[in-house]
Amino acid sequence: MVEIRVEGLSKRYGKTEVLNDVSFAVADGEFAVLLGPSGCGKTTLLRCVAGLEAVDKGEIYIGSELVNPLPPRDRDLSMVFQSFSLFPMMNVRENIAFPLKVRGVAKQATDERVKEVAKLLGIDELLDKLPKEISGGEQQRVAIGRAIAREPKAFLMDEPLSSLDAPLRAQLRSELKRIQKEIGVTTLYVTHDQAEALSLADKIGVLNRGSLLQFGPPQSVFAKPQSAFVARFVGDPQANIVNVSVASGVAGAHAVEGSGFRFPIPATVGGPLKEKTKDASASVQVSIRPEDIELAVSRPSEESSQGVVLLDEPLTLYRLVTVKLGDDKGEDGSTNLKVLASKELKLDTGQQVWLRFNPSRLHFFDRESGDLIA
């Protein structure tokens, strides 16, 4: 088991910058997830760590060893891909044993290791079957088993569950987490699925356009996003990101104003926010998560904002309601917000409702850069 450390990594393909000055460290035994949309550079980053791509700038360490000059075979890493990549003419036993065989491990030791890994993965009854005779989930277990068998320094996993259906993906997520904790091997995992990242990771790194925007524990990344992109990308349902202004009132009072709504915020938030922005009246976005908005069918207080229901989506544990605040025909315009409501609540399209916001759970970002302000 080792630490994986990346320092100032940059990578270009011609004139296209794929990775820009990426730095992070995965501690010994940690499960770290690189999360981001398609094309953000996460798979390229994984391939650079594996040695499958040369880097233009920066350093990669496996433990205390600088591995930039080393070819993939000398980095002692196991990689699991999105495709199962099993040998079709070999049975499960032979597929798992393959990396041990090419390293010249004795047959008895190989057989014992294969049985040990197969039992860990719950596929010990499938050892004599061919890949075509087992399910997709079982094939992916075999692929993971092949990576585990050779006892590498670390695992690299490139969206290994994305080709599976949703129920099986959820099942294998929990098993993969269990297995990683049991064997304690440092793991770097790539996905575009934020639910997968939050459930698996000890640390999450959020990438966009080749830059690492934030790296840290999942709850910290979720609760304290450092940019509007992170606030929007991490969380299900997504956070509402809205252009607003911050107004000052009498006796030091402050309020957030958007198209079709206004609500007060504490002076402890409003004061620093005004100080940190050159023009808070025109350059601020606010992140409001759907679960931090209270929806009522009668006006609960003077601070609440009136709106109408555009869409009511009944989901398993709650309802996701789209509410329109303001009027398109009015001078101030309108804003559509997603709100979580009780699953027992039934709403009609066009019904009048009121929203009340939790000012202690808001995050404010610079409208141009997307960086956190307060």
Protein backbone atom coordinates (compact mmCIF):
# COMPACT_ATOMS: atom_id res chain seq x y z
CA MET A 1 0.00 0.00 0.00
CA VAL A 2 1.26 3.44 -0.95
CA GLU A 3 0.37 7.08 -1.35
CA ILE A 4 -0.34 8.41 -4.85
CA ARG A 5 0.78 12.03 -5.24
CA VAL A 6 0.36 14.26 -8.29
CA GLU A 7 2.10 17.65 -8.40
CA GLY A 8 1.52 20.36 -11.02
CA LEU A 9 0.43 17.93 -13.74
CA SER A 10 -0.30 19.41 -17.18
CA LYS A 11 -1.09 17.65 -20.45
CA ARG A 12 -1.80 18.90 -23.96
CA TYR A 13 -2.84 17.26 -27.21
CA GLY A 14 -1.56 19.69 -29.82
CA LYS A 15 -3.07 23.07 -28.98
CA THR A 16 -5.74 21.56 -26.74
CA GLU A 17 -5.01 21.75 -23.01
CA VAL A 18 -6.45 18.64 -21.37
CA LEU A 19 -5.00 19.01 -17.86
CA ASN A 20 -3.89 22.25 -16.24
CA ASP A 21 -1.61 22.26 -13.17
CA VAL A 22 -3.41 19.45 -11.31
CA SER A 23 -2.16 18.59 -7.81
CA PHE A 24 -3.58 16.20 -5.20
CA ALA A 25 -2.58 13.32 -2.92
CA VAL A 26 -4.33 10.05 -2.16
CA ALA A 27 -3.19 8.76 1.22
CA ASP A 28 -2.14 5.19 1.87
CA GLY A 29 -5.26 2.98 1.83
CA GLU A 30 -7.66 5.76 0.77
CA PHE A 31 -10.40 5.47 -1.85
CA ALA A 32 -10.26 8.67 -3.93
CA VAL A 33 -12.70 9.48 -6.73
CA LEU A 34 -12.10 11.84 -9.65
CA LEU A 35 -15.50 13.27 -10.59
CA GLY A 36 -16.46 15.43 -13.55
CA PRO A 37 -18.41 15.63 -16.81
CA SER A 38 -17.37 13.90 -20.02
CA GLY A 39 -14.29 15.53 -21.54
CA CYS A 40 -13.08 17.15 -18.30
CA GLY A 41 -9.75 15.24 -18.33
CA LYS A 42 -10.35 12.68 -15.57
CA THR A 43 -9.57 9.59 -17.68
CA THR A 44 -6.49 11.28 -19.16
CA LEU A 45 -5.33 12.00 -15.62
CA LEU A 46 -5.80 8.35 -14.66
CA ARG A 47 -3.88 7.22 -17.75
CA CYS A 48 -1.03 9.59 -16.87
CA VAL A 49 -0.79 8.01 -13.41
CA ALA A 50 -0.80 4.57 -15.04
CA GLY A 51 1.98 5.58 -17.43
CA LEU A 52 -0.19 5.12 -20.53
CA GLU A 53 0.14 8.84 -21.34
CA ALA A 54 3.29 10.96 -21.14
CA VAL A 55 2.95 14.18 -19.15
CA ASP A 56 4.07 17.58 -20.45
CA LYS A 57 4.71 19.02 -17.00
CA GLY A 58 4.50 17.91 -13.39
CA GLU A 59 5.45 14.92 -11.28
CA ILE A 60 3.74 11.68 -10.27
CA TYR A 61 4.81 9.76 -7.18
CA ILE A 62 3.83 6.22 -6.19
CA GLY A 63 4.90 6.08 -2.57
CA SER A 64 8.15 8.03 -2.39
CA GLU A 65 9.20 7.06 -5.93
CA LEU A 66 8.99 9.47 -8.87
CA VAL A 67 7.45 7.32 -11.61
CA ASN A 68 7.46 9.74 -14.57
CA PRO A 69 10.36 7.89 -16.26
CA LEU A 70 8.92 4.43 -15.59
CA PRO A 71 6.87 2.44 -18.14
CA PRO A 72 3.46 1.12 -17.00
CA ARG A 73 4.75 -2.38 -16.18
CA ASP A 74 7.23 -0.99 -13.65
CA ARG A 75 4.72 1.15 -11.72
CA ASP A 76 3.08 -1.92 -10.12
CA LEU A 77 -0.50 -0.65 -10.57
CA SER A 78 -3.63 -2.61 -11.52
CA MET A 79 -6.20 -0.97 -13.77
CA VAL A 80 -9.90 -1.84 -14.18
CA PHE A 81 -11.63 -0.45 -17.26
CA GLN A 82 -15.25 0.32 -18.18
CA SER A 83 -15.24 -2.66 -20.55
CA PHE A 84 -14.68 -5.97 -18.81
CA SER A 85 -11.72 -6.89 -21.11
CA LEU A 86 -11.81 -10.58 -20.22
CA PHE A 87 -10.18 -13.26 -22.34
CA PRO A 88 -13.21 -14.99 -23.94
CA MET A 89 -11.56 -18.40 -24.37
CA MET A 90 -10.33 -18.53 -20.76
CA ASN A 91 -12.61 -19.49 -17.89
CA VAL A 92 -13.01 -17.35 -14.77
CA ARG A 93 -10.20 -19.16 -12.96
CA GLU A 94 -7.77 -18.60 -15.84
CA ASN A 95 -8.75 -14.94 -16.24
CA ILE A 96 -8.10 -14.19 -12.58
CA ALA A 97 -4.85 -16.17 -12.64
CA PHE A 98 -3.50 -14.55 -15.81
CA PRO A 99 -1.46 -11.70 -14.21
CA LEU A 100 0.09 -14.18 -11.77
CA LYS A 101 0.94 -16.60 -14.56
CA VAL A 102 2.78 -13.99 -16.65
CA ARG A 103 4.83 -13.07 -13.56
CA GLY A 104 5.90 -16.66 -13.09
CA VAL A 105 4.10 -17.29 -9.80
CA ALA A 106 4.09 -20.99 -8.87
CA LYS A 107 0.93 -22.91 -9.78
CA GLN A 108 0.02 -23.87 -6.21
CA ALA A 109 0.40 -20.30 -4.98
CA THR A 110 -1.62 -19.07 -7.99
CA ASP A 111 -4.45 -21.53 -7.32
CA GLU A 112 -4.62 -20.52 -3.66
CA ARG A 113 -4.66 -16.83 -4.54
CA VAL A 114 -7.41 -17.31 -7.17
CA LYS A 115 -9.59 -19.17 -4.66
CA GLU A 116 -9.00 -16.46 -2.05
CA VAL A 117 -9.93 -13.64 -4.45
CA ALA A 118 -12.94 -15.50 -5.86
CA LYS A 119 -14.31 -16.05 -2.34
CA LEU A 120 -13.80 -12.38 -1.49
CA LEU A 121 -15.81 -11.40 -4.58
CA GLY A 122 -18.49 -14.07 -4.20
CA ILE A 123 -17.67 -15.77 -7.51
CA ASP A 124 -16.04 -18.93 -6.20
CA GLU A 125 -18.79 -21.06 -7.78
CA LEU A 126 -18.09 -19.56 -11.24
CA LEU A 127 -14.43 -20.47 -11.61
CA ASP A 128 -14.97 -23.06 -14.36
CA LYS A 129 -17.37 -20.94 -16.44
CA LEU A 130 -16.47 -18.91 -19.53
CA PRO A 131 -17.18 -15.14 -19.58
CA LYS A 132 -20.09 -15.64 -22.03
CA GLU A 133 -21.76 -17.96 -19.50
CA ILE A 134 -21.99 -15.38 -16.70
CA SER A 135 -23.79 -12.06 -16.24
CA GLY A 136 -22.38 -8.58 -16.79
CA GLY A 137 -22.09 -7.98 -13.06
CA GLU A 138 -20.27 -11.26 -12.60
CA GLN A 139 -17.93 -10.42 -15.48
CA GLN A 140 -17.05 -7.13 -13.82
CA ARG A 141 -16.33 -8.97 -10.57
CA VAL A 142 -13.94 -11.19 -12.53
CA ALA A 143 -12.21 -8.13 -13.99
CA ILE A 144 -11.86 -6.66 -10.49
CA GLY A 145 -10.62 -10.03 -9.22
CA ARG A 146 -7.92 -10.11 -11.87
CA ALA A 147 -6.74 -6.70 -10.68
CA ILE A 148 -6.79 -7.78 -7.01
CA ALA A 149 -5.02 -11.11 -7.59
CA ARG A 150 -1.57 -9.72 -8.29
CA GLU A 151 -1.60 -7.56 -5.13
CA PRO A 152 -0.48 -4.28 -6.73
CA LYS A 153 0.63 -1.16 -4.93
CA ALA A 154 -2.60 0.62 -5.95
CA PHE A 155 -5.76 0.27 -8.04
CA LEU A 156 -6.78 2.58 -10.90
CA MET A 157 -10.43 2.24 -11.97
CA ASP A 158 -11.93 3.94 -15.02
CA GLU A 159 -15.75 3.97 -14.67
CA PRO A 160 -15.88 0.21 -14.05
CA LEU A 161 -19.62 0.17 -13.23
CA SER A 162 -21.01 2.54 -15.86
CA SER A 163 -21.99 -0.19 -18.36
CA LEU A 164 -24.16 -2.00 -15.79
CA ASP A 165 -27.86 -1.37 -15.14
CA ALA A 166 -28.83 0.80 -12.18
CA PRO A 167 -29.78 -1.87 -9.58
CA LEU A 168 -26.65 -3.93 -10.28
CA ARG A 169 -24.49 -0.80 -10.25
CA ALA A 170 -25.81 0.10 -6.79
CA GLN A 171 -25.16 -3.43 -5.53
CA LEU A 172 -21.59 -3.53 -6.87
CA ARG A 173 -20.86 -0.07 -5.43
CA SER A 174 -21.41 -1.32 -1.90
CA GLU A 175 -19.44 -4.50 -2.59
CA LEU A 176 -16.56 -2.57 -4.13
CA LYS A 177 -16.36 -0.31 -1.08
CA ARG A 178 -16.38 -3.34 1.22
CA ILE A 179 -13.67 -5.10 -0.76
CA GLN A 180 -11.43 -2.03 -0.90
CA LYS A 181 -11.68 -1.59 2.87
CA GLU A 182 -10.96 -5.27 3.48
CA ILE A 183 -7.79 -5.35 1.39
CA GLY A 184 -6.82 -1.74 2.20
CA VAL A 185 -5.29 -0.91 -1.19
CA THR A 186 -4.99 2.73 -2.26
CA THR A 187 -7.54 3.32 -5.03
CA LEU A 188 -8.00 6.08 -7.61
CA TYR A 189 -11.42 5.82 -9.27
CA VAL A 190 -12.91 7.81 -12.16
CA THR A 191 -16.62 8.47 -12.65
CA HIS A 192 -19.09 11.07 -13.97
CA ASP A 193 -21.77 9.86 -11.52
CA GLN A 194 -21.82 12.05 -8.43
CA ALA A 195 -24.01 9.59 -6.47
CA GLU A 196 -21.35 6.94 -7.10
CA ALA A 197 -18.62 9.33 -6.01
CA LEU A 198 -20.37 10.34 -2.79
CA SER A 199 -21.10 6.75 -1.80
CA LEU A 200 -17.61 5.36 -2.52
CA ALA A 201 -15.08 8.05 -1.79
CA ASP A 202 -12.92 8.90 1.18
CA LYS A 203 -11.84 11.90 -0.93
CA ILE A 204 -13.44 13.47 -4.02
CA GLY A 205 -11.67 15.55 -6.66
CA VAL A 206 -13.98 17.57 -8.92
CA LEU A 207 -12.58 18.36 -12.37
CA ASN A 208 -13.85 20.64 -15.10
CA ARG A 209 -12.08 21.63 -18.31
CA GLY A 210 -8.82 20.09 -17.17
CA SER A 211 -8.63 21.89 -13.81
CA LEU A 212 -9.06 20.33 -10.37
CA LEU A 213 -11.59 22.66 -8.73
CA GLN A 214 -11.77 21.02 -5.30
CA PHE A 215 -10.37 17.98 -3.52
CA GLY A 216 -11.45 16.75 -0.11
CA PRO A 217 -13.85 14.59 1.93
CA PRO A 218 -17.26 14.11 0.21
CA GLN A 219 -19.28 15.90 2.89
CA SER A 220 -16.92 18.88 2.83
CA VAL A 221 -17.12 19.15 -0.95
CA PHE A 222 -20.92 18.91 -0.79
CA ALA A 223 -21.46 21.30 2.12
CA LYS A 224 -18.70 23.81 1.33
CA PRO A 225 -18.31 24.05 -2.46
CA GLN A 226 -15.49 26.34 -3.58
CA SER A 227 -17.10 27.22 -6.93
CA ALA A 228 -20.52 27.45 -8.56
CA PHE A 229 -19.62 24.48 -10.77
CA VAL A 230 -18.93 22.25 -7.76
CA ALA A 231 -22.15 23.41 -6.06
CA ARG A 232 -24.15 22.51 -9.17
CA PHE A 233 -22.37 19.26 -10.04
CA VAL A 234 -22.21 17.63 -6.59
CA GLY A 235 -25.64 16.83 -5.22
CA ASP A 236 -28.85 15.21 -6.42
CA PRO A 237 -31.04 17.01 -7.22
CA GLN A 238 -28.74 19.77 -8.42
CA ALA A 239 -28.47 23.05 -6.58
CA ASN A 240 -30.26 26.10 -7.94
CA ILE A 241 -27.69 28.66 -9.15
CA VAL A 242 -29.32 32.07 -9.52
CA ASN A 243 -28.08 35.57 -10.42
CA VAL A 244 -28.88 37.92 -7.55
CA SER A 245 -27.96 41.24 -6.01
CA VAL A 246 -27.33 42.06 -2.36
CA ALA A 247 -29.23 45.08 -1.07
CA SER A 248 -28.56 47.04 2.11
CA GLY A 249 -31.38 48.29 4.28
CA VAL A 250 -31.82 50.31 7.45
CA ALA A 251 -29.92 49.46 10.64
CA GLY A 252 -27.44 47.25 8.79
CA ALA A 253 -30.06 44.92 7.35
CA HIS A 254 -29.25 43.04 4.14
CA ALA A 255 -31.39 41.17 1.63
CA VAL A 256 -30.92 39.00 -1.44
CA GLU A 257 -32.87 40.12 -4.48
CA GLY A 258 -33.48 38.06 -7.61
CA SER A 259 -35.96 38.05 -10.45
CA GLY A 260 -39.30 37.65 -8.70
CA PHE A 261 -38.08 37.19 -5.12
CA ARG A 262 -36.43 38.88 -2.17
CA PHE A 263 -35.47 37.55 1.27
CA PRO A 264 -33.37 38.81 4.20
CA ILE A 265 -29.95 37.45 5.12
CA PRO A 266 -28.08 37.93 8.41
CA ALA A 267 -25.73 40.91 8.71
CA THR A 268 -22.93 38.42 9.43
CA VAL A 269 -23.36 37.19 5.84
CA GLY A 270 -24.45 40.34 4.07
CA GLY A 271 -21.73 42.59 5.51
CA PRO A 272 -18.72 40.49 4.47
CA LEU A 273 -20.40 39.78 1.13
CA LYS A 274 -20.65 43.48 0.34
CA GLU A 275 -17.03 43.99 1.38
CA LYS A 276 -15.66 41.16 -0.76
CA THR A 277 -17.32 42.27 -3.99
CA LYS A 278 -16.64 45.44 -5.94
CA ASP A 279 -20.23 45.59 -7.05
CA ALA A 280 -22.42 43.15 -5.14
CA SER A 281 -25.48 44.59 -6.85
CA ALA A 282 -24.45 43.13 -10.21
CA SER A 283 -21.86 40.40 -9.86
CA VAL A 284 -23.16 37.71 -7.53
CA GLN A 285 -24.69 34.26 -7.91
CA VAL A 286 -26.28 32.33 -5.06
CA SER A 287 -26.46 28.56 -4.66
CA ILE A 288 -29.67 27.29 -3.05
CA ARG A 289 -30.11 23.56 -2.69
CA PRO A 290 -33.68 22.25 -3.22
CA GLU A 291 -33.69 20.72 0.27
CA ASP A 292 -32.94 24.15 1.80
CA ILE A 293 -36.16 25.71 0.51
CA GLU A 294 -39.42 25.34 2.43
CA LEU A 295 -42.58 25.10 0.30
CA ALA A 296 -46.02 25.97 1.71
CA VAL A 297 -49.51 26.18 0.18
CA SER A 298 -50.42 29.14 2.45
CA ARG A 299 -48.19 32.06 3.27
CA PRO A 300 -46.08 31.13 6.34
CA SER A 301 -44.48 34.57 6.91
CA GLU A 302 -43.88 37.98 5.39
CA GLU A 303 -40.38 36.84 4.37
CA SER A 304 -41.72 34.14 2.04
CA SER A 305 -41.84 34.58 -1.76
CA GLN A 306 -44.94 33.85 -3.81
CA GLY A 307 -44.80 31.61 -6.89
CA VAL A 308 -46.72 29.13 -9.00
CA VAL A 309 -46.12 25.44 -9.65
CA LEU A 310 -44.76 24.67 -13.11
CA LEU A 311 -44.00 20.96 -12.58
CA ASP A 312 -44.57 18.45 -9.80
CA GLU A 313 -42.45 15.29 -10.06
CA PRO A 314 -43.39 12.56 -7.55
CA LEU A 315 -40.21 10.62 -6.78
CA THR A 316 -39.56 7.76 -4.36
CA LEU A 317 -38.91 9.62 -1.10
CA TYR A 318 -40.03 13.15 -1.96
CA ARG A 319 -41.54 15.38 -4.64
CA LEU A 320 -39.36 17.58 -6.81
CA VAL A 321 -41.34 20.71 -7.55
CA THR A 322 -40.42 23.40 -10.08
CA VAL A 323 -41.74 26.76 -8.91
CA LYS A 324 -41.81 29.97 -10.94
CA LEU A 325 -41.25 33.18 -8.96
CA GLY A 326 -42.18 36.50 -10.54
CA ASP A 327 -43.72 37.27 -13.90
CA ASP A 328 -42.09 37.17 -17.35
CA LYS A 329 -44.19 40.18 -18.27
CA GLY A 330 -43.14 42.14 -15.23
CA GLU A 331 -40.23 44.53 -15.00
CA ASP A 332 -38.20 42.28 -12.67
CA GLY A 333 -38.63 39.07 -14.71
CA SER A 334 -38.95 35.58 -13.23
CA THR A 335 -36.90 32.74 -11.73
CA ASN A 336 -37.55 29.00 -11.80
CA LEU A 337 -36.41 27.06 -8.72
CA LYS A 338 -36.35 23.33 -7.91
CA VAL A 339 -37.72 22.55 -4.44
CA LEU A 340 -37.95 19.32 -2.42
CA ALA A 341 -41.37 18.80 -0.88
CA SER A 342 -43.07 16.06 1.13
CA LYS A 343 -44.13 13.05 -0.95
CA GLU A 344 -47.63 13.28 0.59
CA LEU A 345 -48.12 16.80 -0.78
CA LYS A 346 -50.09 16.90 -4.04
CA LEU A 347 -49.86 20.03 -6.16
CA ASP A 348 -51.54 21.17 -9.36
CA THR A 349 -49.83 22.97 -12.22
CA GLY A 350 -50.46 26.68 -11.82
CA GLN A 351 -51.22 26.39 -8.09
CA GLN A 352 -50.06 29.27 -5.94
CA VAL A 353 -47.36 28.41 -3.36
CA TRP A 354 -44.92 30.23 -1.11
CA LEU A 355 -41.21 29.60 -0.66
CA ARG A 356 -39.05 30.37 2.34
CA PHE A 357 -35.25 30.13 2.15
CA ASN A 358 -32.71 29.02 4.76
CA PRO A 359 -30.15 31.86 4.75
CA SER A 360 -27.62 29.87 6.79
CA ARG A 361 -27.20 27.30 3.97
CA LEU A 362 -26.51 29.69 1.08
CA HIS A 363 -23.26 30.05 -0.88
CA PHE A 364 -22.40 33.14 -2.91
CA PHE A 365 -20.16 33.07 -5.98
CA ASP A 366 -18.64 35.60 -8.33
CA ARG A 367 -20.84 35.67 -11.42
CA GLU A 368 -17.95 35.81 -13.90
CA SER A 369 -15.34 33.49 -12.37
CA GLY A 370 -17.70 31.20 -10.45
CA ASP A 371 -15.38 31.37 -7.41
CA LEU A 372 -16.74 31.29 -3.86
CA ILE A 373 -17.19 34.70 -2.22
CA ALA A 374 -19.05 33.86 1.00
